[in-house]
PDB file of N, CA and C in Angstrom:
ATOM      1  N   MET A   1     -18.900   2.527  25.072  1.00  0.00           N
ATOM      2  CA  MET A   1     -18.477   1.059  25.393  1.00  0.00           C
ATOM      3  C   MET A   1     -17.778   0.265  24.373  1.00  0.00           C
ATOM      4  N   ALA A   2     -17.931   0.675  23.156  1.00  0.00           N
ATOM      5  CA  ALA A   2     -17.256  -0.051  21.992  1.00  0.00           C
ATOM      6  C   ALA A   2     -15.771   0.128  22.159  1.00  0.00           C
ATOM      7  N   HIS A   3     -15.269   1.236  22.752  1.00  0.00           N
ATOM      8  CA  HIS A   3     -13.759   1.330  23.027  1.00  0.00           C
ATOM      9  C   HIS A   3     -13.298   0.223  23.801  1.00  0.00           C
ATOM     10  N   ARG A   4     -14.116  -0.270  24.697  1.00  0.00           N
ATOM     11  CA  ARG A   4     -13.610  -1.265  25.649  1.00  0.00           C
ATOM     12  C   ARG A   4     -13.580  -2.633  24.948  1.00  0.00           C
ATOM     13  N   ILE A   5     -14.700  -2.808  24.081  1.00  0.00           N
ATOM     14  CA  ILE A   5     -14.785  -4.155  23.465  1.00  0.00           C
ATOM     15  C   ILE A   5     -13.578  -4.323  22.409  1.00  0.00           C
ATOM     16  N   TYR A   6     -13.185  -3.167  21.810  1.00  0.00           N
ATOM     17  CA  TYR A   6     -12.200  -3.289  20.726  1.00  0.00           C
ATOM     18  C   TYR A   6     -10.903  -2.665  21.282  1.00  0.00           C
ATOM     19  N   ALA A   7     -10.539  -2.697  22.569  1.00  0.00           N
ATOM     20  CA  ALA A   7      -9.426  -2.145  23.051  1.00  0.00           C
ATOM     21  C   ALA A   7      -8.168  -2.599  22.424  1.00  0.00           C
ATOM     22  N   ASN A   8      -7.891  -3.909  22.310  1.00  0.00           N
ATOM     23  CA  ASN A   8      -6.727  -4.432  21.696  1.00  0.00           C
ATOM     24  C   ASN A   8      -6.638  -3.893  20.266  1.00  0.00           C
ATOM     25  N   GLU A   9      -7.670  -4.062  19.465  1.00  0.00           N
ATOM     26  CA  GLU A   9      -7.814  -3.682  18.064  1.00  0.00           C
ATOM     27  C   GLU A   9      -7.495  -2.174  17.843  1.00  0.00           C
ATOM     28  N   LEU A  10      -8.069  -1.404  18.722  1.00  0.00           N
ATOM     29  CA  LEU A  10      -7.733   0.106  18.673  1.00  0.00           C
ATOM     30  C   LEU A  10      -6.326   0.304  18.957  1.00  0.00           C
ATOM     31  N   GLU A  11      -5.690  -0.386  19.827  1.00  0.00           N
ATOM     32  CA  GLU A  11      -4.221  -0.195  20.029  1.00  0.00           C
ATOM     33  C   GLU A  11      -3.399  -0.577  18.759  1.00  0.00           C
ATOM     34  N   THR A  12      -3.816  -1.739  18.216  1.00  0.00           N
ATOM     35  CA  THR A  12      -3.095  -2.152  17.001  1.00  0.00           C
ATOM     36  C   THR A  12      -3.190  -1.100  15.890  1.00  0.00           C
ATOM     37  N   LEU A  13      -4.397  -0.597  15.669  1.00  0.00           N
ATOM     38  CA  LEU A  13      -4.659   0.411  14.705  1.00  0.00           C
ATOM     39  C   LEU A  13      -3.880   1.685  15.052  1.00  0.00           C
ATOM     40  N   HIS A  14      -3.773   2.087  16.231  1.00  0.00           N
ATOM     41  CA  HIS A  14      -3.065   3.206  16.639  1.00  0.00           C
ATOM     42  C   HIS A  14      -1.550   3.107  16.334  1.00  0.00           C
ATOM     43  N   ASP A  15      -1.031   1.882  16.678  1.00  0.00           N
ATOM     44  CA  ASP A  15       0.363   1.617  16.368  1.00  0.00           C
ATOM     45  C   ASP A  15       0.686   1.723  14.985  1.00  0.00           C
ATOM     46  N   CYS A  16      -0.241   1.248  14.148  1.00  0.00           N
ATOM     47  CA  CYS A  16      -0.099   1.178  12.731  1.00  0.00           C
ATOM     48  C   CYS A  16       0.011   2.679  12.216  1.00  0.00           C
ATOM     49  N   VAL A  17      -0.956   3.525  12.662  1.00  0.00           N
ATOM     50  CA  VAL A  17      -1.045   4.898  12.281  1.00  0.00           C
ATOM     51  C   VAL A  17       0.389   5.573  12.721  1.00  0.00           C
ATOM     52  N   GLU A  18       0.769   5.375  13.801  1.00  0.00           N
ATOM     53  CA  GLU A  18       2.060   6.012  14.289  1.00  0.00           C
ATOM     54  C   GLU A  18       3.256   5.455  13.561  1.00  0.00           C
ATOM     55  N   THR A  19       3.237   4.243  13.282  1.00  0.00           N
ATOM     56  CA  THR A  19       4.429   3.594  12.555  1.00  0.00           C
ATOM     57  C   THR A  19       4.414   4.042  11.170  1.00  0.00           C
ATOM     58  N   CYS A  20       3.204   4.174  10.491  1.00  0.00           N
ATOM     59  CA  CYS A  20       3.089   4.650   9.069  1.00  0.00           C
ATOM     60  C   CYS A  20       3.589   6.020   8.884  1.00  0.00           C
ATOM     61  N   ASN A  21       2.984   6.891   9.891  1.00  0.00           N
ATOM     62  CA  ASN A  21       3.388   8.327   9.935  1.00  0.00           C
ATOM     63  C   ASN A  21       4.966   8.476  10.137  1.00  0.00           C
ATOM     64  N   TYR A  22       5.562   7.758  10.992  1.00  0.00           N
ATOM     65  CA  TYR A  22       6.910   7.725  11.239  1.00  0.00           C
ATOM     66  C   TYR A  22       7.691   7.394   9.936  1.00  0.00           C
ATOM     67  N   CYS A  23       7.392   6.346   9.280  1.00  0.00           N
ATOM     68  CA  CYS A  23       7.950   5.774   8.047  1.00  0.00           C
ATOM     69  C   CYS A  23       7.776   6.973   6.994  1.00  0.00           C
ATOM     70  N   LEU A  24       6.634   7.473   6.829  1.00  0.00           N
ATOM     71  CA  LEU A  24       6.447   8.503   5.902  1.00  0.00           C
ATOM     72  C   LEU A  24       7.392   9.578   6.006  1.00  0.00           C
ATOM     73  N   GLU A  25       7.482  10.265   7.287  1.00  0.00           N
ATOM     74  CA  GLU A  25       8.408  11.238   7.546  1.00  0.00           C
ATOM     75  C   GLU A  25       9.900  10.723   7.389  1.00  0.00           C
ATOM     76  N   SER A  26      10.147   9.657   7.786  1.00  0.00           N
ATOM     77  CA  SER A  26      11.623   9.070   7.538  1.00  0.00           C
ATOM     78  C   SER A  26      11.923   8.903   6.092  1.00  0.00           C
ATOM     79  N   CYS A  27      10.876   8.484   5.234  1.00  0.00           N
ATOM     80  CA  CYS A  27      11.167   8.421   3.832  1.00  0.00           C
ATOM     81  C   CYS A  27      11.481   9.752   3.157  1.00  0.00           C
ATOM     82  N   LEU A  28      10.866  10.831   3.753  1.00  0.00           N
ATOM     83  CA  LEU A  28      11.046  12.206   3.187  1.00  0.00           C
ATOM     84  C   LEU A  28      12.492  12.642   3.471  1.00  0.00           C
ATOM     85  N   GLU A  29      13.177  11.940   4.371  1.00  0.00           N
ATOM     86  CA  GLU A  29      14.466  12.421   4.686  1.00  0.00           C
ATOM     87  C   GLU A  29      15.563  11.552   3.962  1.00  0.00           C
ATOM     88  N   GLU A  30      15.115  10.507   3.223  1.00  0.00           N
ATOM     89  CA  GLU A  30      16.027   9.609   2.658  1.00  0.00           C
ATOM     90  C   GLU A  30      16.767  10.487   1.385  1.00  0.00           C
ATOM     91  N   HIS A  31      17.959   9.943   1.063  1.00  0.00           N
ATOM     92  CA  HIS A  31      18.774  10.603   0.075  1.00  0.00           C
ATOM     93  C   HIS A  31      17.989  10.595  -1.322  1.00  0.00           C
ATOM     94  N   ASP A  32      17.266   9.414  -1.637  1.00  0.00           N
ATOM     95  CA  ASP A  32      16.705   9.336  -2.993  1.00  0.00           C
ATOM     96  C   ASP A  32      15.102   9.347  -2.685  1.00  0.00           C
ATOM     97  N   VAL A  33      14.518  10.428  -2.521  1.00  0.00           N
ATOM     98  CA  VAL A  33      13.170  10.519  -2.144  1.00  0.00           C
ATOM     99  C   VAL A  33      12.260   9.939  -3.287  1.00  0.00           C
ATOM    100  N   LYS A  34      12.649  10.147  -4.500  1.00  0.00           N
ATOM    101  CA  LYS A  34      11.901   9.826  -5.609  1.00  0.00           C
ATOM    102  C   LYS A  34      11.669   8.187  -5.526  1.00  0.00           C
ATOM    103  N   MET A  35      12.554   7.426  -5.090  1.00  0.00           N
ATOM    104  CA  MET A  35      12.507   6.087  -4.954  1.00  0.00           C
ATOM    105  C   MET A  35      11.608   5.625  -3.857  1.00  0.00           C
ATOM    106  N   MET A  36      11.198   6.581  -3.011  1.00  0.00           N
ATOM    107  CA  MET A  36      10.356   6.298  -1.769  1.00  0.00           C
ATOM    108  C   MET A  36       8.938   6.731  -2.194  1.00  0.00           C
ATOM    109  N   VAL A  37       8.583   7.185  -3.280  1.00  0.00           N
ATOM    110  CA  VAL A  37       7.373   7.879  -3.505  1.00  0.00           C
ATOM    111  C   VAL A  37       6.205   6.848  -3.219  1.00  0.00           C
ATOM    112  N   ASP A  38       6.284   5.570  -3.730  1.00  0.00           N
ATOM    113  CA  ASP A  38       5.282   4.536  -3.529  1.00  0.00           C
ATOM    114  C   ASP A  38       5.077   4.287  -2.022  1.00  0.00           C
ATOM    115  N   CYS A  39       6.154   4.269  -1.381  1.00  0.00           N
ATOM    116  CA  CYS A  39       6.147   3.937   0.145  1.00  0.00           C
ATOM    117  C   CYS A  39       5.459   5.086   0.811  1.00  0.00           C
ATOM    118  N   ILE A  40       5.843   6.297   0.445  1.00  0.00           N
ATOM    119  CA  ILE A  40       5.264   7.541   1.083  1.00  0.00           C
ATOM    120  C   ILE A  40       3.737   7.484   0.968  1.00  0.00           C
ATOM    121  N   ARG A  41       3.312   7.223  -0.239  1.00  0.00           N
ATOM    122  CA  ARG A  41       1.857   7.372  -0.554  1.00  0.00           C
ATOM    123  C   ARG A  41       1.071   6.236   0.156  1.00  0.00           C
ATOM    124  N   LEU A  42       1.635   4.992   0.175  1.00  0.00           N
ATOM    125  CA  LEU A  42       0.973   4.066   0.908  1.00  0.00           C
ATOM    126  C   LEU A  42       0.990   4.206   2.428  1.00  0.00           C
ATOM    127  N   ASP A  43       2.012   4.776   2.902  1.00  0.00           N
ATOM    128  CA  ASP A  43       2.026   5.022   4.363  1.00  0.00           C
ATOM    129  C   ASP A  43       0.904   5.891   4.739  1.00  0.00           C
ATOM    130  N   ARG A  44       0.688   6.914   3.862  1.00  0.00           N
ATOM    131  CA  ARG A  44      -0.301   7.940   3.991  1.00  0.00           C
ATOM    132  C   ARG A  44      -1.773   7.275   3.894  1.00  0.00           C
ATOM    133  N   GLU A  45      -1.900   6.432   2.919  1.00  0.00           N
ATOM    134  CA  GLU A  45      -3.131   5.749   2.793  1.00  0.00           C
ATOM    135  C   GLU A  45      -3.426   4.813   4.028  1.00  0.00           C
ATOM    136  N   CYS A  46      -2.489   4.123   4.369  1.00  0.00           N
ATOM    137  CA  CYS A  46      -2.553   3.305   5.390  1.00  0.00           C
ATOM    138  C   CYS A  46      -2.974   3.855   6.809  1.00  0.00           C
ATOM    139  N   ALA A  47      -2.210   5.021   7.079  1.00  0.00           N
ATOM    140  CA  ALA A  47      -2.530   5.658   8.384  1.00  0.00           C
ATOM    141  C   ALA A  47      -3.909   6.208   8.250  1.00  0.00           C
ATOM    142  N   ALA A  48      -4.430   6.724   7.164  1.00  0.00           N
ATOM    143  CA  ALA A  48      -5.621   7.328   7.100  1.00  0.00           C
ATOM    144  C   ALA A  48      -6.878   6.190   7.185  1.00  0.00           C
ATOM    145  N   ILE A  49      -6.617   5.077   6.536  1.00  0.00           N
ATOM    146  CA  ILE A  49      -7.675   4.096   6.722  1.00  0.00           C
ATOM    147  C   ILE A  49      -7.767   3.371   8.032  1.00  0.00           C
ATOM    148  N   CYS A  50      -6.554   3.345   8.716  1.00  0.00           N
ATOM    149  CA  CYS A  50      -6.591   2.752  10.111  1.00  0.00           C
ATOM    150  C   CYS A  50      -7.220   3.748  10.996  1.00  0.00           C
ATOM    151  N   SER A  51      -6.940   5.085  10.799  1.00  0.00           N
ATOM    152  CA  SER A  51      -7.559   6.084  11.653  1.00  0.00           C
ATOM    153  C   SER A  51      -9.171   6.025  11.457  1.00  0.00           C
ATOM    154  N   PHE A  52      -9.509   5.882  10.220  1.00  0.00           N
ATOM    155  CA  PHE A  52     -10.979   5.929   9.994  1.00  0.00           C
ATOM    156  C   PHE A  52     -11.640   4.682  10.588  1.00  0.00           C
ATOM    157  N   LEU A  53     -10.983   3.432  10.429  1.00  0.00           N
ATOM    158  CA  LEU A  53     -11.551   2.280  11.047  1.00  0.00           C
ATOM    159  C   LEU A  53     -11.559   2.517  12.618  1.00  0.00           C
ATOM    160  N   ALA A  54     -10.576   3.015  13.226  1.00  0.00           N
ATOM    161  CA  ALA A  54     -10.618   3.225  14.664  1.00  0.00           C
ATOM    162  C   ALA A  54     -11.727   4.065  15.000  1.00  0.00           C
ATOM    163  N   GLU A  55     -12.049   5.193  14.368  1.00  0.00           N
ATOM    164  CA  GLU A  55     -13.150   6.032  14.602  1.00  0.00           C
ATOM    165  C   GLU A  55     -14.428   5.297  14.435  1.00  0.00           C
ATOM    166  N   ALA A  56     -14.547   4.406  13.399  1.00  0.00           N
ATOM    167  CA  ALA A  56     -15.866   3.656  13.181  1.00  0.00           C
ATOM    168  C   ALA A  56     -16.036   2.679  14.390  1.00  0.00           C
ATOM    169  N   MET A  57     -15.043   2.157  14.847  1.00  0.00           N
ATOM    170  CA  MET A  57     -15.081   1.202  15.942  1.00  0.00           C
ATOM    171  C   MET A  57     -15.584   1.804  17.190  1.00  0.00           C
ATOM    172  N   THR A  58     -14.980   3.039  17.484  1.00  0.00           N
ATOM    173  CA  THR A  58     -15.493   3.815  18.651  1.00  0.00           C
ATOM    174  C   THR A  58     -16.867   4.228  18.603  1.00  0.00           C
ATOM    175  N   ARG A  59     -17.515   4.309  17.415  1.00  0.00           N
ATOM    176  CA  ARG A  59     -18.914   4.705  17.122  1.00  0.00           C
ATOM    177  C   ARG A  59     -19.703   3.356  17.129  1.00  0.00           C
ATOM    178  N   ASP A  60     -19.115   2.215  17.295  1.00  0.00           N
ATOM    179  CA  ASP A  60     -19.686   0.951  17.132  1.00  0.00           C
ATOM    180  C   ASP A  60     -20.498   0.919  15.878  1.00  0.00           C
ATOM    181  N   SER A  61     -19.908   1.319  14.751  1.00  0.00           N
ATOM    182  CA  SER A  61     -20.561   1.261  13.463  1.00  0.00           C
ATOM    183  C   SER A  61     -20.812  -0.132  12.922  1.00  0.00           C
ATOM    184  N   ALA A  62     -21.942  -0.185  12.269  1.00  0.00           N
ATOM    185  CA  ALA A  62     -22.431  -1.430  11.761  1.00  0.00           C
ATOM    186  C   ALA A  62     -21.406  -1.928  10.503  1.00  0.00           C
ATOM    187  N   PHE A  63     -20.690  -0.973  10.032  1.00  0.00           N
ATOM    188  CA  PHE A  63     -19.818  -1.250   8.951  1.00  0.00           C
ATOM    189  C   PHE A  63     -18.351  -1.588   9.185  1.00  0.00           C
ATOM    190  N   VAL A  64     -18.131  -1.923  10.484  1.00  0.00           N
ATOM    191  CA  VAL A  64     -16.683  -2.353  10.906  1.00  0.00           C
ATOM    192  C   VAL A  64     -16.122  -3.498  10.141  1.00  0.00           C
ATOM    193  N   PRO A  65     -16.997  -4.591   9.797  1.00  0.00           N
ATOM    194  CA  PRO A  65     -16.424  -5.684   9.050  1.00  0.00           C
ATOM    195  C   PRO A  65     -15.914  -5.220   7.682  1.00  0.00           C
ATOM    196  N   GLU A  66     -16.785  -4.437   7.037  1.00  0.00           N
ATOM    197  CA  GLU A  66     -16.438  -3.912   5.644  1.00  0.00           C
ATOM    198  C   GLU A  66     -15.343  -3.088   5.661  1.00  0.00           C
ATOM    199  N   LEU A  67     -15.239  -2.123   6.633  1.00  0.00           N
ATOM    200  CA  LEU A  67     -14.038  -1.215   6.722  1.00  0.00           C
ATOM    201  C   LEU A  67     -12.917  -2.052   7.000  1.00  0.00           C
ATOM    202  N   ALA A  68     -12.936  -3.117   7.913  1.00  0.00           N
ATOM    203  CA  ALA A  68     -11.748  -3.894   8.291  1.00  0.00           C
ATOM    204  C   ALA A  68     -11.283  -4.657   7.050  1.00  0.00           C
ATOM    205  N   ARG A  69     -12.172  -5.063   6.218  1.00  0.00           N
ATOM    206  CA  ARG A  69     -11.670  -5.727   4.929  1.00  0.00           C
ATOM    207  C   ARG A  69     -10.990  -4.897   4.073  1.00  0.00           C
ATOM    208  N   ALA A  70     -11.455  -3.578   3.896  1.00  0.00           N
ATOM    209  CA  ALA A  70     -10.672  -2.582   3.072  1.00  0.00           C
ATOM    210  C   ALA A  70      -9.358  -2.175   3.772  1.00  0.00           C
ATOM    211  N   CYS A  71      -9.332  -2.110   5.113  1.00  0.00           N
ATOM    212  CA  CYS A  71      -8.130  -1.749   5.734  1.00  0.00           C
ATOM    213  C   CYS A  71      -7.128  -2.806   5.678  1.00  0.00           C
ATOM    214  N   ALA A  72      -7.557  -4.093   5.685  1.00  0.00           N
ATOM    215  CA  ALA A  72      -6.554  -5.273   5.568  1.00  0.00           C
ATOM    216  C   ALA A  72      -5.843  -5.033   4.153  1.00  0.00           C
ATOM    217  N   VAL A  73      -6.770  -4.866   3.145  1.00  0.00           N
ATOM    218  CA  VAL A  73      -6.102  -4.660   1.772  1.00  0.00           C
ATOM    219  C   VAL A  73      -5.079  -3.619   1.763  1.00  0.00           C
ATOM    220  N   VAL A  74      -5.287  -2.464   2.326  1.00  0.00           N
ATOM    221  CA  VAL A  74      -4.333  -1.270   2.351  1.00  0.00           C
ATOM    222  C   VAL A  74      -3.091  -1.620   3.175  1.00  0.00           C
ATOM    223  N   CYS A  75      -3.429  -2.213   4.354  1.00  0.00           N
ATOM    224  CA  CYS A  75      -2.236  -2.550   5.251  1.00  0.00           C
ATOM    225  C   CYS A  75      -1.325  -3.455   4.581  1.00  0.00           C
ATOM    226  N   LYS A  76      -1.817  -4.506   3.850  1.00  0.00           N
ATOM    227  CA  LYS A  76      -0.962  -5.493   3.224  1.00  0.00           C
ATOM    228  C   LYS A  76      -0.266  -4.832   2.008  1.00  0.00           C
ATOM    229  N   ALA A  77      -0.864  -3.962   1.304  1.00  0.00           N
ATOM    230  CA  ALA A  77      -0.243  -3.226   0.098  1.00  0.00           C
ATOM    231  C   ALA A  77       0.932  -2.411   0.804  1.00  0.00           C
ATOM    232  N   CYS A  78       0.709  -1.761   1.910  1.00  0.00           N
ATOM    233  CA  CYS A  78       1.826  -0.842   2.609  1.00  0.00           C
ATOM    234  C   CYS A  78       2.840  -1.693   2.966  1.00  0.00           C
ATOM    235  N   ALA A  79       2.586  -2.845   3.655  1.00  0.00           N
ATOM    236  CA  ALA A  79       3.636  -3.711   4.138  1.00  0.00           C
ATOM    237  C   ALA A  79       4.509  -4.278   2.992  1.00  0.00           C
ATOM    238  N   GLN A  80       3.784  -4.680   1.823  1.00  0.00           N
ATOM    239  CA  GLN A  80       4.521  -5.284   0.699  1.00  0.00           C
ATOM    240  C   GLN A  80       5.510  -4.254   0.125  1.00  0.00           C
ATOM    241  N   GLU A  81       5.109  -2.990   0.101  1.00  0.00           N
ATOM    242  CA  GLU A  81       5.892  -1.930  -0.505  1.00  0.00           C
ATOM    243  C   GLU A  81       7.061  -1.594   0.491  1.00  0.00           C
ATOM    244  N   CYS A  82       6.692  -1.492   1.746  1.00  0.00           N
ATOM    245  CA  CYS A  82       7.779  -1.158   2.808  1.00  0.00           C
ATOM    246  C   CYS A  82       8.794  -2.348   2.877  1.00  0.00           C
ATOM    247  N   GLU A  83       8.350  -3.622   2.624  1.00  0.00           N
ATOM    248  CA  GLU A  83       9.309  -4.781   2.636  1.00  0.00           C
ATOM    249  C   GLU A  83      10.445  -4.585   1.600  1.00  0.00           C
ATOM    250  N   LYS A  84      10.180  -3.877   0.525  1.00  0.00           N
ATOM    251  CA  LYS A  84      11.055  -3.657  -0.631  1.00  0.00           C
ATOM    252  C   LYS A  84      12.273  -2.923  -0.271  1.00  0.00           C
ATOM    253  N   HIS A  85      12.116  -2.121   0.776  1.00  0.00           N
ATOM    254  CA  HIS A  85      13.205  -1.154   1.255  1.00  0.00           C
ATOM    255  C   HIS A  85      14.020  -1.615   2.367  1.00  0.00           C
ATOM    256  N   LYS A  86      15.272  -1.346   2.400  1.00  0.00           N
ATOM    257  CA  LYS A  86      16.173  -1.799   3.407  1.00  0.00           C
ATOM    258  C   LYS A  86      16.078  -1.027   4.681  1.00  0.00           C
ATOM    259  N   HIS A  87      15.613   0.240   4.551  1.00  0.00           N
ATOM    260  CA  HIS A  87      15.629   1.047   5.813  1.00  0.00           C
ATOM    261  C   HIS A  87      14.836   0.425   6.859  1.00  0.00           C
ATOM    262  N   GLU A  88      15.488   0.768   8.141  1.00  0.00           N
ATOM    263  CA  GLU A  88      14.829   0.165   9.311  1.00  0.00           C
ATOM    264  C   GLU A  88      13.446   0.579   9.608  1.00  0.00           C
ATOM    265  N   HIS A  89      13.203   1.915   9.263  1.00  0.00           N
ATOM    266  CA  HIS A  89      11.838   2.355   9.370  1.00  0.00           C
ATOM    267  C   HIS A  89      10.875   1.751   8.514  1.00  0.00           C
ATOM    268  N   CYS A  90      11.299   1.380   7.272  1.00  0.00           N
ATOM    269  CA  CYS A  90      10.366   0.595   6.333  1.00  0.00           C
ATOM    270  C   CYS A  90      10.192  -0.811   6.858  1.00  0.00           C
ATOM    271  N   GLN A  91      11.285  -1.461   7.160  1.00  0.00           N
ATOM    272  CA  GLN A  91      11.121  -2.870   7.683  1.00  0.00           C
ATOM    273  C   GLN A  91      10.171  -2.907   9.031  1.00  0.00           C
ATOM    274  N   GLU A  92      10.301  -1.989   9.919  1.00  0.00           N
ATOM    275  CA  GLU A  92       9.395  -1.953  11.046  1.00  0.00           C
ATOM    276  C   GLU A  92       7.961  -1.625  10.651  1.00  0.00           C
ATOM    277  N   CYS A  93       7.803  -0.773   9.670  1.00  0.00           N
ATOM    278  CA  CYS A  93       6.429  -0.463   9.138  1.00  0.00           C
ATOM    279  C   CYS A  93       5.838  -1.721   8.435  1.00  0.00           C
ATOM    280  N   ALA A  94       6.640  -2.389   7.746  1.00  0.00           N
ATOM    281  CA  ALA A  94       6.090  -3.728   7.116  1.00  0.00           C
ATOM    282  C   ALA A  94       5.661  -4.655   8.244  1.00  0.00           C
ATOM    283  N   ARG A  95       6.373  -4.878   9.221  1.00  0.00           N
ATOM    284  CA  ARG A  95       6.038  -5.720  10.288  1.00  0.00           C
ATOM    285  C   ARG A  95       4.762  -5.203  10.946  1.00  0.00           C
ATOM    286  N   VAL A  96       4.604  -4.037  11.273  1.00  0.00           N
ATOM    287  CA  VAL A  96       3.479  -3.518  12.033  1.00  0.00           C
ATOM    288  C   VAL A  96       2.242  -3.633  11.038  1.00  0.00           C
ATOM    289  N   CYS A  97       2.368  -3.259   9.770  1.00  0.00           N
ATOM    290  CA  CYS A  97       1.351  -3.223   8.750  1.00  0.00           C
ATOM    291  C   CYS A  97       0.768  -4.714   8.645  1.00  0.00           C
ATOM    292  N   PHE A  98       1.633  -5.679   8.583  1.00  0.00           N
ATOM    293  CA  PHE A  98       1.160  -7.051   8.418  1.00  0.00           C
ATOM    294  C   PHE A  98       0.502  -7.560   9.661  1.00  0.00           C
ATOM    295  N   GLU A  99       0.962  -7.207  10.893  1.00  0.00           N
ATOM    296  CA  GLU A  99       0.165  -7.412  12.031  1.00  0.00           C
ATOM    297  C   GLU A  99      -1.145  -6.725  12.007  1.00  0.00           C
ATOM    298  N   CYS A 100      -1.271  -5.585  11.632  1.00  0.00           N
ATOM    299  CA  CYS A 100      -2.594  -4.860  11.565  1.00  0.00           C
ATOM    300  C   CYS A 100      -3.476  -5.532  10.510  1.00  0.00           C
ATOM    301  N   ALA A 101      -2.957  -5.880   9.358  1.00  0.00           N
ATOM    302  CA  ALA A 101      -3.699  -6.558   8.342  1.00  0.00           C
ATOM    303  C   ALA A 101      -4.306  -7.893   8.803  1.00  0.00           C
ATOM    304  N   SER A 102      -3.627  -8.650   9.632  1.00  0.00           N
ATOM    305  CA  SER A 102      -3.976  -9.835  10.239  1.00  0.00           C
ATOM    306  C   SER A 102      -5.143  -9.696  11.083  1.00  0.00           C
ATOM    307  N   MET A 103      -5.045  -8.651  11.979  1.00  0.00           N
ATOM    308  CA  MET A 103      -6.098  -8.269  12.936  1.00  0.00           C
ATOM    309  C   MET A 103      -7.353  -7.857  12.056  1.00  0.00           C
ATOM    310  N   CYS A 104      -7.180  -7.079  11.082  1.00  0.00           N
ATOM    311  CA  CYS A 104      -8.260  -6.548  10.346  1.00  0.00           C
ATOM    312  C   CYS A 104      -9.041  -7.775   9.640  1.00  0.00           C
ATOM    313  N   ASP A 105      -8.240  -8.739   9.162  1.00  0.00           N
ATOM    314  CA  ASP A 105      -8.787  -9.988   8.434  1.00  0.00           C
ATOM    315  C   ASP A 105      -9.696 -10.707   9.439  1.00  0.00           C
ATOM    316  N   ARG A 106      -9.237 -10.734  10.697  1.00  0.00           N
ATOM    317  CA  ARG A 106     -10.058 -11.415  11.753  1.00  0.00           C
ATOM    318  C   ARG A 106     -11.366 -10.596  12.057  1.00  0.00           C
ATOM    319  N   LEU A 107     -11.392  -9.326  12.062  1.00  0.00           N
ATOM    320  CA  LEU A 107     -12.488  -8.511  12.210  1.00  0.00           C
ATOM    321  C   LEU A 107     -13.462  -8.658  11.129  1.00  0.00           C
ATOM    322  N   ALA A 108     -12.911  -8.824   9.984  1.00  0.00           N
ATOM    323  CA  ALA A 108     -13.780  -8.833   8.716  1.00  0.00           C
ATOM    324  C   ALA A 108     -14.494 -10.127   8.649  1.00  0.00           C
ATOM    325  N   ALA A 109     -14.018 -11.183   9.250  1.00  0.00           N
ATOM    326  CA  ALA A 109     -14.449 -12.496   9.193  1.00  0.00           C
ATOM    327  C   ALA A 109     -15.971 -12.695   9.760  1.00  0.00           C
TER     328      ALA A 109
END
C-alpha cells in the first residue's frame, strides 16, 4: 500500500536515478573524463541513495524521514556539481537532482 501513498515521490526518485545514471554514462564519454570524476562519483552516490530511499518507502520503513534527509543532502551535492559543467546531460541532471532534493526535504520535515 505504501507504493500508492508515495506514488509521486517514487516517480521523482526513479526519475533522479535514471537521470543520474544517464549523466554518469554520458560523462564517461566526454573528452576530458578526468574533469568529470567528481560528477561521475556524485551521480553514482545519488542514484544509489535514491534507489535505497525508494525501496524503504515501498516497505513503509519507519526511517523514511531520516533517509530522505540524507537523500536530500546527496541530491543537492550532485546538483551543485553537475551545475558546474556546461554539458546538457549535466544541466538536466542538476535540475532533476534539485527537484528530488526539494521533495526529500518535504518528506524529512
